[in-house]
Amino acid sequence: MKRHEFLRELHKVTANRNYLEIGVNDGRSLTLSRVPSIAIDPAFKVVTEIRCDVHLAKATSDDFFARENPLAHLRGGRHPLRNIARNRSPFGYWRRTTLDLSFIDGMHLFEYALRDFINIERHSDWAGVIVFDDMLPRNVDEAARDRHTDAWTGDVYKLVEILGRHRPDLVTVLVDTAPTGQLLVFGADPSSTVLKDRYDEIVAEFQVPDPQKVSESVLDRTTAVRPEALLAAGFWAPLAAARNRGTRRSRGWEPLRRAVARYGVSR
């Protein structure tokens, strides 16, 4: 399954209410969205018809997320909660919008992708999904930090190890899509500052000169799941239901974590 085919199906199974994408380029992935969307790229060149209500932000992701209310386009950055017994305060009928589905396909260097994740997680629902593109380079040349090939993933594949080591509370799932794979991240925690606090330490360790040392498990895709199997998993509907009910992470994540982790990258 090709990556855009997988993304099209991912929009369906997540039943996402909104969408954010970093790295628009010509708009091929953005054209899959049918919900209110935000697309961020300092130099986009959209040539594809867009069929959603979208805010195209011509900015770096760092600059975009530094705005006072970066998700303002998505229902003004907030939406009403149901009037339920535990939420009677006149101030309690509103909460900030959180992201249901996000796609990171910006600069192909791990430190940029890591910052993109940090920024997105602060605005994500725990039952949402964050997707990294180009996570399975096919050879060492394709994984170089300094691009010298036509097809180029860069070293964003390092995010698998970084998240596994520093954020074991998350579940990461590598997906064997063509041509260069994707990584899905589940269980976002907007309150976590671990990656932000350790950012300089992580960069100092993982930023090394070419050639990059790419593990055999990445090159051989031994820990990646078939996209068809993941899309057919039984956890998608309960995940969306928990998100739509506003279930708290502390109550909803652990029961679903076990089901998602069956597909996760081995630790």
Protein backbone atom coordinates (compact mmCIF):
# COMPACT_ATOMS: atom_id res chain seq x y z
CA MET A 1 0.00 0.00 0.00
CA LYS A 2 1.37 3.42 -0.96
CA ARG A 3 1.59 6.15 1.65
CA HIS A 4 -1.23 8.30 0.25
CA GLU A 5 -3.50 5.27 -0.01
CA PHE A 6 -2.77 4.54 3.65
CA LEU A 7 -3.38 8.16 4.67
CA ARG A 8 -6.71 8.17 2.83
CA GLU A 9 -7.83 5.13 4.83
CA LEU A 10 -6.42 6.61 8.04
CA HIS A 11 -8.72 9.61 7.66
CA LYS A 12 -11.62 7.15 7.56
CA VAL A 13 -10.73 4.84 10.46
CA THR A 14 -9.79 7.67 12.83
CA ALA A 15 -13.09 9.49 12.10
CA ASN A 16 -11.11 12.65 12.72
CA ARG A 17 -12.93 15.93 13.26
CA ASN A 18 -9.92 18.04 12.30
CA TYR A 19 -6.52 17.67 10.68
CA LEU A 20 -3.13 19.36 10.84
CA GLU A 21 -0.23 18.82 8.47
CA ILE A 22 3.36 20.05 8.50
CA GLY A 23 5.01 19.98 5.09
CA VAL A 24 2.41 20.75 2.41
CA ASN A 25 4.59 20.81 -0.71
CA ASP A 26 2.21 20.39 -3.67
CA GLY A 27 -0.82 19.42 -1.57
CA ARG A 28 -1.12 15.72 -2.42
CA SER A 29 -1.64 14.68 1.19
CA LEU A 30 -3.75 17.72 2.08
CA THR A 31 -6.21 16.91 -0.68
CA LEU A 32 -7.24 13.80 1.30
CA SER A 33 -8.78 15.85 4.11
CA ARG A 34 -12.51 16.56 4.29
CA VAL A 35 -12.55 18.23 7.71
CA PRO A 36 -11.39 21.65 9.00
CA SER A 37 -7.63 21.64 8.50
CA ILE A 38 -4.43 23.56 9.10
CA ALA A 39 -1.48 23.12 6.75
CA ILE A 40 1.93 24.58 7.53
CA ASP A 41 4.82 25.08 5.11
CA PRO A 42 7.15 28.07 4.58
CA ALA A 43 7.28 27.43 0.81
CA PHE A 44 4.22 25.45 -0.27
CA LYS A 45 3.34 25.19 -3.96
CA VAL A 46 -0.12 23.65 -4.02
CA VAL A 47 -1.11 22.36 -7.44
CA THR A 48 -3.83 19.94 -6.30
CA GLU A 49 -7.48 20.80 -5.67
CA ILE A 50 -8.10 21.12 -1.93
CA ARG A 51 -11.52 19.90 -0.79
CA CYS A 52 -11.66 21.01 2.83
CA ASP A 53 -11.93 24.17 4.90
CA VAL A 54 -8.22 24.88 5.29
CA HIS A 55 -5.95 27.51 6.74
CA LEU A 56 -2.71 27.50 4.75
CA ALA A 57 0.03 28.92 6.95
CA LYS A 58 3.11 30.10 5.06
CA ALA A 59 5.44 29.77 8.04
CA THR A 60 7.84 27.44 9.77
CA SER A 61 6.15 25.19 12.29
CA ASP A 62 8.08 26.82 15.14
CA ASP A 63 6.79 30.26 14.14
CA PHE A 64 3.27 28.95 13.61
CA PHE A 65 3.01 27.34 17.04
CA ALA A 66 4.45 30.45 18.68
CA ARG A 67 1.22 32.27 17.78
CA GLU A 68 -1.16 33.14 20.59
CA ASN A 69 -3.90 30.81 19.35
CA PRO A 70 -2.43 28.62 16.61
CA LEU A 71 -5.55 26.47 16.25
CA ALA A 72 -7.90 29.44 15.91
CA HIS A 73 -9.06 28.22 12.50
CA LEU A 74 -10.48 25.07 14.08
CA ARG A 75 -13.69 26.46 15.57
CA GLY A 76 -11.89 29.47 16.98
CA GLY A 77 -9.48 27.28 18.90
CA ARG A 78 -12.20 26.03 21.26
CA HIS A 79 -15.47 24.15 21.15
CA PRO A 80 -18.43 23.64 23.51
CA LEU A 81 -18.67 20.67 25.80
CA ARG A 82 -21.98 19.05 26.56
CA ASN A 83 -23.85 20.41 29.55
CA ILE A 84 -23.32 17.47 31.89
CA ALA A 85 -23.58 17.28 35.67
CA ARG A 86 -19.88 17.41 36.39
CA ASN A 87 -19.44 20.45 34.16
CA ARG A 88 -21.97 23.03 35.38
CA SER A 89 -19.63 26.01 35.64
CA PRO A 90 -20.39 28.74 33.05
CA PHE A 91 -16.68 28.60 32.27
CA GLY A 92 -16.75 24.83 31.97
CA TYR A 93 -18.84 24.65 28.82
CA TRP A 94 -15.76 25.42 26.73
CA ARG A 95 -12.39 23.83 26.30
CA ARG A 96 -9.61 24.33 23.82
CA THR A 97 -9.66 22.40 20.58
CA THR A 98 -7.34 19.43 20.41
CA LEU A 99 -5.97 17.78 17.29
CA ASP A 100 -7.42 14.46 16.16
CA LEU A 101 -5.05 13.63 13.28
CA SER A 102 -1.69 15.22 12.51
CA PHE A 103 0.83 14.47 9.78
CA ILE A 104 4.52 15.44 10.06
CA ASP A 105 6.34 15.61 6.74
CA GLY A 106 8.50 18.70 7.10
CA MET A 107 12.27 19.03 7.10
CA HIS A 108 13.81 15.54 6.99
CA LEU A 109 16.16 15.97 9.92
CA PHE A 110 15.30 14.36 13.24
CA GLU A 111 15.71 17.53 15.33
CA TYR A 112 13.13 19.37 13.20
CA ALA A 113 10.70 16.43 13.29
CA LEU A 114 11.18 16.19 17.05
CA ARG A 115 10.29 19.86 17.50
CA ASP A 116 7.27 19.36 15.25
CA PHE A 117 6.13 16.52 17.50
CA ILE A 118 6.67 18.56 20.67
CA ASN A 119 4.60 21.40 19.23
CA ILE A 120 1.81 19.13 17.99
CA GLU A 121 1.58 17.06 21.16
CA ARG A 122 0.85 20.18 23.22
CA HIS A 123 -2.33 20.57 21.18
CA SER A 124 -3.28 16.91 20.68
CA ASP A 125 -5.98 14.71 22.12
CA TRP A 126 -4.64 11.56 23.81
CA ALA A 127 -6.98 9.55 21.59
CA GLY A 128 -5.76 11.30 18.45
CA VAL A 129 -3.06 10.06 16.10
CA ILE A 130 0.23 11.69 15.11
CA VAL A 131 1.90 10.40 11.94
CA PHE A 132 5.52 10.78 10.82
CA ASP A 133 6.37 10.22 7.16
CA ASP A 134 9.59 8.78 5.67
CA MET A 135 10.50 6.61 8.66
CA LEU A 136 11.91 3.59 6.82
CA PRO A 137 14.86 4.54 4.59
CA ARG A 138 15.76 1.83 2.11
CA ASN A 139 19.50 2.38 2.31
CA VAL A 140 22.11 4.45 4.14
CA ASP A 141 22.40 7.00 1.32
CA GLU A 142 18.67 7.76 1.55
CA ALA A 143 19.06 8.29 5.31
CA ALA A 144 21.87 10.86 5.02
CA ARG A 145 21.53 14.21 6.75
CA ASP A 146 23.09 15.93 3.76
CA ARG A 147 20.91 15.11 0.80
CA HIS A 148 22.71 13.64 -2.20
CA THR A 149 20.03 11.34 -3.62
CA ASP A 150 16.77 11.94 -5.48
CA ALA A 151 14.65 10.04 -2.94
CA TRP A 152 15.53 11.25 0.57
CA THR A 153 14.21 10.38 4.02
CA GLY A 154 16.94 12.02 6.04
CA ASP A 155 17.43 10.76 9.58
CA VAL A 156 13.91 11.16 10.95
CA TYR A 157 13.89 7.37 11.48
CA LYS A 158 15.73 8.14 14.74
CA LEU A 159 12.43 9.28 16.25
CA VAL A 160 11.51 5.63 16.88
CA GLU A 161 14.43 5.20 19.28
CA ILE A 162 14.09 8.68 20.76
CA LEU A 163 10.41 8.26 21.62
CA GLY A 164 10.94 4.71 22.83
CA ARG A 165 13.67 5.76 25.21
CA HIS A 166 12.34 9.08 26.48
CA ARG A 167 8.57 8.59 26.19
CA PRO A 168 7.72 4.98 27.04
CA ASP A 169 4.20 6.15 27.93
CA LEU A 170 3.49 6.48 24.20
CA VAL A 171 2.86 3.64 21.77
CA THR A 172 4.65 3.86 18.41
CA VAL A 173 3.68 1.74 15.41
CA LEU A 174 5.87 1.49 12.31
CA VAL A 175 3.90 0.92 9.12
CA ASP A 176 5.37 -0.71 6.02
CA THR A 177 3.95 1.64 3.40
CA ALA A 178 5.61 2.34 0.06
CA PRO A 179 8.01 3.81 -0.54
CA THR A 180 9.55 4.81 2.81
CA GLY A 181 7.20 3.90 5.61
CA GLN A 182 5.41 5.84 8.33
CA LEU A 183 5.27 5.95 12.12
CA LEU A 184 2.03 6.34 14.07
CA VAL A 185 2.13 7.66 17.62
CA PHE A 186 -0.70 7.02 20.08
CA GLY A 187 -1.38 8.27 23.61
CA ALA A 188 -0.27 11.89 23.35
CA ASP A 189 0.08 13.71 26.66
CA PRO A 190 -0.15 17.51 26.24
CA SER A 191 1.10 18.02 29.79
CA SER A 192 4.40 16.23 29.19
CA THR A 193 7.53 18.40 29.01
CA VAL A 194 10.04 15.54 28.90
CA LEU A 195 11.07 15.97 25.26
CA LYS A 196 11.24 19.75 25.53
CA ASP A 197 13.33 19.54 28.69
CA ARG A 198 15.70 16.96 27.18
CA TYR A 199 15.81 18.42 23.65
CA ASP A 200 19.39 19.70 23.77
CA GLU A 201 20.58 16.43 25.32
CA ILE A 202 18.82 14.40 22.63
CA VAL A 203 20.22 16.50 19.78
CA ALA A 204 23.75 16.26 21.19
CA GLU A 205 23.50 12.47 21.23
CA PHE A 206 21.75 11.78 17.93
CA GLN A 207 23.18 14.47 15.66
CA VAL A 208 26.16 12.72 14.09
CA PRO A 209 27.93 13.19 10.74
CA ASP A 210 27.20 11.07 7.68
CA PRO A 211 27.13 8.24 6.96
CA GLN A 212 24.34 7.49 9.42
CA LYS A 213 24.29 4.15 11.20
CA VAL A 214 20.91 2.74 10.22
CA SER A 215 19.93 -0.44 12.04
CA GLU A 216 19.16 -3.60 10.11
CA SER A 217 15.69 -3.68 11.65
CA VAL A 218 14.93 -0.36 9.95
CA LEU A 219 16.43 -1.30 6.59
CA ASP A 220 14.75 -4.73 6.65
CA ARG A 221 11.50 -3.34 8.14
CA THR A 222 11.37 -6.20 10.61
CA THR A 223 9.33 -4.25 13.19
CA ALA A 224 6.94 -2.64 10.70
CA VAL A 225 3.36 -3.87 10.38
CA ARG A 226 1.37 -4.31 7.20
CA PRO A 227 -0.83 -1.24 6.69
CA GLU A 228 -3.85 -3.40 5.85
CA ALA A 229 -3.55 -5.23 9.19
CA LEU A 230 -3.32 -2.00 11.16
CA LEU A 231 -6.29 -0.41 9.39
CA ALA A 232 -8.37 -3.48 10.20
CA ALA A 233 -7.50 -3.36 13.93
CA GLY A 234 -10.36 -3.34 16.39
CA PHE A 235 -9.20 -0.39 18.50
CA TRP A 236 -10.10 2.42 16.09
CA ALA A 237 -13.79 2.71 16.98
CA PRO A 238 -13.25 2.65 20.78
CA LEU A 239 -10.44 5.21 20.35
CA ALA A 240 -12.70 7.60 18.43
CA ALA A 241 -15.55 7.03 20.89
CA ALA A 242 -13.33 7.86 23.87
CA ARG A 243 -12.12 11.00 22.08
CA ASN A 244 -15.63 12.16 21.19
CA ARG A 245 -16.89 11.57 24.74
CA GLY A 246 -14.05 13.65 26.12
CA THR A 247 -12.75 10.76 28.21
CA ARG A 248 -9.74 11.77 30.25
CA ARG A 249 -6.38 10.26 29.40
CA SER A 250 -5.99 8.95 32.94
CA ARG A 251 -9.18 6.90 32.52
CA GLY A 252 -9.17 5.96 28.86
CA TRP A 253 -5.61 5.38 27.72
CA GLU A 254 -4.54 2.29 29.67
CA PRO A 255 -7.43 0.04 28.56
CA LEU A 256 -6.82 1.01 24.93
CA ARG A 257 -3.05 1.02 25.24
CA ARG A 258 -2.95 -2.76 25.46
CA ALA A 259 -4.91 -3.15 22.22
CA VAL A 260 -2.77 -0.61 20.33
CA ALA A 261 0.51 -1.99 21.73
CA ARG A 262 -0.10 -5.32 19.99
CA TYR A 263 1.00 -3.55 16.81
CA GLY A 264 3.70 -1.43 18.43
CA VAL A 265 7.45 -1.33 17.91
CA SER A 266 9.19 -3.85 20.16
CA ARG A 267 11.11 -2.23 23.02
